[in-house]
Protein backbone atom coordinates (compact mmCIF):
# COMPACT_ATOMS: atom_id res chain seq x y z
CA UNK A 1 -28.52 -5.77 7.57
CA UNK A 2 -25.36 -5.32 5.48
CA UNK A 3 -23.02 -2.38 4.89
CA UNK A 4 -21.67 -1.38 1.50
CA UNK A 5 -18.29 0.38 1.61
CA UNK A 6 -16.87 2.18 -1.42
CA UNK A 7 -13.15 3.00 -1.47
CA UNK A 8 -10.58 4.48 -3.77
CA UNK A 9 -6.90 5.39 -3.64
CA UNK A 10 -6.02 8.01 -1.00
CA UNK A 11 -3.38 9.28 -3.42
CA UNK A 12 -6.11 10.08 -5.95
CA UNK A 13 -9.31 10.54 -3.89
CA UNK A 14 -11.83 10.76 -6.72
CA UNK A 15 -14.82 8.88 -5.30
CA UNK A 16 -17.75 10.74 -6.84
CA UNK A 17 -20.85 11.56 -4.81
CA UNK A 18 -22.98 10.95 -7.90
CA UNK A 19 -21.63 7.41 -8.18
CA UNK A 20 -22.29 6.76 -4.49
CA UNK A 21 -25.88 8.01 -4.78
CA UNK A 22 -26.52 6.08 -7.98
CA UNK A 23 -25.35 2.82 -6.43
CA UNK A 24 -27.23 3.52 -3.20
CA UNK A 25 -30.47 3.99 -5.14
CA UNK A 26 -29.86 0.90 -7.28
CA UNK A 27 -29.30 -1.29 -4.22
CA UNK A 28 -32.09 0.22 -2.13
CA UNK A 29 -29.63 1.50 0.44
CA UNK A 30 -29.99 3.93 3.29
CA UNK A 31 -28.41 7.36 3.57
CA UNK A 32 -24.76 7.56 2.58
CA UNK A 33 -22.15 8.34 5.21
CA UNK A 34 -18.84 9.79 4.06
CA UNK A 35 -15.87 8.36 5.93
CA UNK A 36 -13.35 10.53 4.07
CA UNK A 37 -14.21 13.11 1.39
CA UNK A 38 -13.60 11.73 -2.08
CA UNK A 39 -12.03 8.59 -0.64
CA UNK A 40 -14.50 6.40 1.27
CA UNK A 41 -18.24 6.21 1.85
CA UNK A 42 -20.72 3.65 3.16
CA UNK A 43 -24.43 2.93 3.32
CA UNK A 44 -26.62 0.16 4.69
CA UNK A 45 -28.56 -2.31 2.54
CA UNK A 46 -31.14 -4.86 3.69
CA UNK A 47 -29.27 -7.80 2.16
CA UNK A 48 -26.15 -8.78 0.21
CA UNK A 49 -26.76 -7.92 -3.48
CA UNK A 50 -27.28 -10.92 -5.75
CA UNK A 51 -25.23 -9.21 -8.48
CA UNK A 52 -22.40 -8.23 -6.13
CA UNK A 53 -19.51 -9.41 -8.29
CA UNK A 54 -20.88 -7.84 -11.46
CA UNK A 55 -21.19 -4.52 -9.64
CA UNK A 56 -17.71 -5.04 -8.19
CA UNK A 57 -16.24 -5.63 -11.65
CA UNK A 58 -17.94 -2.53 -13.04
CA UNK A 59 -16.56 -0.38 -10.22
CA UNK A 60 -13.06 -1.81 -10.66
CA UNK A 61 -13.06 -0.23 -14.09
CA UNK A 62 -13.62 3.12 -12.37
CA UNK A 63 -10.82 2.63 -9.85
CA UNK A 64 -13.23 1.94 -6.98
CA UNK A 65 -13.19 -0.95 -4.49
CA UNK A 66 -16.49 -2.37 -3.23
CA UNK A 67 -16.85 -4.25 0.05
CA UNK A 68 -20.12 -5.70 1.39
CA UNK A 69 -20.25 -7.10 4.93
CA UNK A 70 -22.78 -7.95 7.59
CA UNK A 71 -23.24 -4.88 9.77
CA UNK A 72 -23.14 -6.81 13.03
CA UNK A 73 -19.63 -7.56 14.24
CA UNK A 74 -17.73 -5.77 11.49
CA UNK A 75 -15.53 -3.86 13.95
CA UNK A 76 -12.88 -6.42 14.83
CA UNK A 77 -10.98 -7.14 18.02
CA UNK A 78 -7.81 -8.50 16.45
CA UNK A 79 -5.65 -7.73 13.42
CA UNK A 80 -3.63 -10.59 11.93
CA UNK A 81 -1.35 -9.28 9.19
CA UNK A 82 1.10 -10.65 6.69
CA UNK A 83 4.26 -8.56 6.32
CA UNK A 84 5.87 -8.77 2.86
CA UNK A 85 3.93 -6.82 0.20
CA UNK A 86 1.25 -6.19 2.86
CA UNK A 87 2.59 -4.19 5.82
CA UNK A 88 5.72 -3.32 3.83
CA UNK A 89 6.06 -2.70 0.11
CA UNK A 90 8.87 -5.21 -0.47
CA UNK A 91 9.53 -8.97 -0.29
CA UNK A 92 12.45 -9.21 2.14
CA UNK A 93 13.93 -12.34 0.61
CA UNK A 94 14.03 -10.63 -2.78
CA UNK A 95 15.94 -7.72 -1.28
CA UNK A 96 18.49 -10.06 0.35
CA UNK A 97 18.82 -11.94 -2.94
CA UNK A 98 19.51 -8.67 -4.72
CA UNK A 99 22.42 -8.09 -2.35
CA UNK A 100 23.63 -11.64 -3.00
CA UNK A 101 23.56 -11.14 -6.77
CA UNK A 102 20.68 -13.56 -7.46
CA UNK A 103 17.85 -11.05 -7.28
CA UNK A 104 16.08 -11.70 -10.58
CA UNK A 105 16.13 -15.48 -10.15
CA UNK A 106 14.79 -15.37 -6.61
CA UNK A 107 12.18 -12.72 -7.46
CA UNK A 108 10.72 -15.01 -10.13
CA UNK A 109 10.45 -17.89 -7.64
CA UNK A 110 8.84 -15.60 -5.05
CA UNK A 111 6.19 -14.47 -7.54
CA UNK A 112 5.29 -18.05 -8.44
CA UNK A 113 5.16 -19.13 -4.79
CA UNK A 114 2.93 -16.22 -3.81
CA UNK A 115 0.63 -17.01 -6.73
CA UNK A 116 0.26 -20.59 -5.47
CA UNK A 117 2.18 -22.17 -8.33
CA UNK A 118 4.90 -23.60 -6.07
CA UNK A 119 4.96 -25.27 -2.67
CA UNK A 120 5.77 -22.49 -0.23
CA UNK A 121 8.10 -24.43 2.05
CA UNK A 122 10.07 -25.91 -0.87
CA UNK A 123 10.33 -22.56 -2.60
CA UNK A 124 11.53 -20.86 0.60
CA UNK A 125 14.18 -23.55 1.17
CA UNK A 126 15.45 -23.17 -2.40
CA UNK A 127 15.64 -19.38 -2.20
CA UNK A 128 17.31 -19.25 1.22
CA UNK A 129 19.94 -21.76 0.03
CA UNK A 130 21.03 -19.19 -2.55
CA UNK A 131 21.86 -16.75 0.27
CA UNK A 132 24.50 -19.04 1.78
CA UNK A 133 27.61 -17.11 2.77
CA UNK A 134 25.95 -13.68 2.66
CA UNK A 135 27.25 -11.35 5.37
CA UNK A 136 24.53 -11.07 8.03
CA UNK A 137 25.21 -7.34 8.24
CA UNK A 138 23.37 -6.99 4.96
CA UNK A 139 20.10 -7.50 6.87
CA UNK A 140 20.50 -4.16 8.65
CA UNK A 141 21.50 -2.48 5.39
CA UNK A 142 18.37 -3.78 3.66
CA UNK A 143 16.18 -2.73 6.59
CA UNK A 144 17.54 0.81 6.58
CA UNK A 145 17.87 1.38 2.85
CA UNK A 146 15.30 -0.72 1.03
CA UNK A 147 12.30 -1.47 3.28
CA UNK A 148 9.32 0.90 3.18
CA UNK A 149 6.18 0.68 5.29
CA UNK A 150 2.98 0.28 3.27
CA UNK A 151 0.83 3.45 3.29
CA UNK A 152 -1.85 3.37 5.96
CA UNK A 153 -0.06 0.76 8.08
CA UNK A 154 0.66 3.02 11.02
CA UNK A 155 -2.91 4.33 11.05
CA UNK A 156 -4.36 0.82 10.84
CA UNK A 157 -2.40 -0.63 13.75
CA UNK A 158 -2.62 2.46 15.96
CA UNK A 159 -6.36 2.94 15.46
CA UNK A 160 -7.32 -0.68 16.04
CA UNK A 161 -5.14 -0.89 19.15
CA UNK A 162 -6.51 2.43 20.44
CA UNK A 163 -9.95 0.84 20.23
CA UNK A 164 -8.95 -2.26 22.17
CA UNK A 165 -7.85 -4.61 19.40
CA UNK A 166 -4.76 -6.85 19.47
CA UNK A 167 -2.30 -6.77 16.55
CA UNK A 168 -0.16 -9.71 15.42
CA UNK A 169 2.29 -9.78 12.50
CA UNK A 170 2.71 -13.26 10.97
CA UNK A 171 5.10 -13.76 8.09
CA UNK A 172 6.62 -16.46 5.94
CA UNK A 173 9.62 -14.13 5.91
CA UNK A 174 12.16 -13.69 8.65
CA UNK A 175 12.23 -12.63 12.30
CA UNK A 176 15.13 -10.27 11.61
CA UNK A 177 12.64 -8.19 9.62
CA UNK A 178 9.37 -8.80 11.48
CA UNK A 179 10.88 -7.78 14.82
CA UNK A 180 11.87 -4.39 13.41
CA UNK A 181 8.67 -3.82 11.43
CA UNK A 182 6.47 -4.92 14.33
CA UNK A 183 8.23 -2.53 16.69
CA UNK A 184 8.02 0.36 14.24
CA UNK A 185 4.30 -0.12 13.56
CA UNK A 186 3.26 -1.01 17.10
CA UNK A 187 2.25 -4.67 16.75
CA UNK A 188 1.75 -6.61 19.97
CA UNK A 189 3.63 -9.67 18.69
CA UNK A 190 5.27 -11.14 15.61
CA UNK A 191 5.96 -14.59 14.22
CA UNK A 192 8.21 -15.54 11.28
CA UNK A 193 11.00 -17.86 10.17
CA UNK A 194 14.50 -17.56 11.61
CA UNK A 195 17.49 -17.27 9.28
CA UNK A 196 20.37 -19.36 10.60
CA UNK A 197 23.64 -17.44 11.01
CA UNK A 198 27.07 -18.83 11.89
CA UNK A 199 30.18 -16.67 12.29
CA UNK A 200 28.35 -13.64 10.97
CA UNK A 201 27.20 -15.25 7.72
CA UNK A 202 23.95 -16.82 6.54
CA UNK A 203 24.15 -20.61 6.43
CA UNK A 204 21.63 -20.93 3.60
CA UNK A 205 19.00 -22.48 5.87
CA UNK A 206 16.17 -21.50 8.21
CA UNK A 207 15.20 -22.98 11.54
CA UNK A 208 12.60 -25.73 11.41
CA UNK A 209 9.67 -26.01 11.25
CA UNK A 210 9.07 -23.48 8.47
CA UNK A 211 6.29 -20.97 9.13
CA UNK A 212 4.01 -21.16 6.10
CA UNK A 213 0.30 -21.34 5.34
CA UNK A 214 -0.61 -23.79 8.12
CA UNK A 215 1.45 -21.92 10.71
CA UNK A 216 -0.38 -18.69 9.89
CA UNK A 217 -3.67 -20.50 10.41
CA UNK A 218 -2.41 -21.88 13.72
CA UNK A 219 -1.45 -18.37 14.77
CA UNK A 220 -5.04 -17.27 14.19
CA UNK A 221 -6.34 -20.17 16.25
CA UNK A 222 -3.81 -19.86 19.07
CA UNK A 223 -3.87 -16.10 19.51
CA UNK A 224 -7.66 -15.76 19.33
CA UNK A 225 -8.04 -18.60 21.85
CA UNK A 226 -5.47 -16.98 24.15
CA UNK A 227 -7.32 -13.66 23.97
CA UNK A 228 -10.67 -15.35 24.54
CA UNK A 229 -12.20 -14.02 21.33
CA UNK A 230 -13.93 -15.76 18.45
CA UNK A 231 -12.23 -16.20 15.09
CA UNK A 232 -15.10 -14.13 13.71
CA UNK A 233 -13.64 -11.19 15.68
CA UNK A 234 -10.41 -11.31 13.65
CA UNK A 235 -9.51 -9.25 10.59
CA UNK A 236 -6.73 -10.89 8.56
CA UNK A 237 -4.89 -9.26 5.66
CA UNK A 238 -2.45 -10.65 3.12
CA UNK A 239 -1.59 -10.93 -0.54
CA UNK A 240 -0.16 -14.38 -1.23
CA UNK A 241 -1.25 -18.00 -1.51
CA UNK A 242 0.27 -18.81 1.89
CA UNK A 243 -2.19 -16.32 3.44
CA UNK A 244 -5.32 -18.07 2.14
CA UNK A 245 -5.79 -20.27 5.22
CA UNK A 246 -6.02 -17.35 7.63
CA UNK A 247 -7.94 -15.18 5.14
CA UNK A 248 -10.58 -17.87 4.73
CA UNK A 249 -10.96 -18.50 8.46
CA UNK A 250 -10.94 -14.96 9.87
CA UNK A 251 -14.17 -13.08 10.32
CA UNK A 252 -12.91 -10.64 7.68
CA UNK A 253 -10.19 -11.86 5.32
CA UNK A 254 -8.82 -9.03 3.19
CA UNK A 255 -6.87 -9.68 -0.02
CA UNK A 256 -4.81 -6.49 -0.30
CA UNK A 257 -3.36 -5.80 -3.75
CA UNK A 258 -3.25 -9.57 -3.95
CA UNK A 259 -2.17 -11.98 -6.64
CA UNK A 260 -5.19 -12.64 -8.94
CA UNK A 261 -5.44 -16.30 -7.97
CA UNK A 262 -5.51 -15.28 -4.30
CA UNK A 263 -8.02 -12.43 -4.66
CA UNK A 264 -10.39 -14.74 -6.56
CA UNK A 265 -10.77 -16.84 -3.40
CA UNK A 266 -11.57 -13.92 -1.08
CA UNK A 267 -14.82 -12.01 -0.53
CA UNK A 268 -13.01 -8.81 0.46
CA UNK A 269 -10.62 -7.48 -2.17
CA UNK A 270 -8.80 -4.14 -1.98
CA UNK A 271 -7.02 -3.21 -5.19
CA UNK A 272 -7.01 0.61 -5.04
CA UNK A 273 -7.17 1.59 -1.37
CA UNK A 274 -4.23 1.33 1.01
CA UNK A 275 -4.23 -0.18 4.50
CA UNK A 276 -6.60 2.51 5.79
CA UNK A 277 -9.25 0.67 3.74
CA UNK A 278 -9.31 -1.88 6.57
CA UNK A 279 -10.38 0.89 8.93
CA UNK A 280 -13.04 2.30 6.61
CA UNK A 281 -14.64 -1.12 6.17
CA UNK A 282 -14.95 -1.34 9.96
CA UNK A 283 -16.78 1.97 10.03
CA UNK A 284 -13.94 4.22 11.18
CA UNK A 285 -13.87 7.65 9.55
CA UNK A 286 -10.70 9.58 8.77
CA UNK A 287 -11.31 11.70 11.86
CA UNK A 288 -11.24 8.56 14.02
CA UNK A 289 -7.71 7.55 13.03
CA UNK A 290 -5.28 7.43 15.95
CA UNK A 291 -2.35 8.87 13.93
């Protein structure tokens, strides 16, 4: 048995009951269950639709996300989340580069790296080198003035943890940011790269080895093994090419507002919903949210 979940933007909750019923009838589904009025609904189907991606494409034109998963085991016991452009709206290195006066140049490199056009480690090394000499105090300024939590992030972490799940933040960004974001959102642990600082200024380098795609995959393996759970019990979420390893290995790998080349390699794609979509697809209703 599979479950079909339909989602739309919480900022414009326009999921139509007629659309839900029409699709349910077309797919031979069971009774619809509304998880949030106008925002999210689900119904069971006997098998994964053969024309899934055609239906998905049609619904995208209506501003609706479609997720189909096996019913068994869809409620996960661990959340493994990217940070930049996933749990927060920004790319931290772009914000630091803005302060250093090289924002546009670095932003272009970041976009290409996240789209898989550049080697992540090489691109990170090049971008960090451009921050050499920047006053380390800028990090706190950026955190306080420019970093915003992604909508639904607090609800996602709090609800999964309230139901016994473990939450880990893994980022190709920097510990100076993940430590603060993880504490604010309630993650159990965080992993990221460390910016090297001498005499209160950035040296233009990060500690080795660099945490990239393979390190995120290792985090999935190590943390799930430590917790004694299967990788199938993990929900991973990210948006960039360096997230593809963990997205492909986790029981549910969610491409959230991802780069097109990244989303194309994932079975679960959320383009309109926010982070609460990850709760809806596990069967949580709005009334089940912890915050």
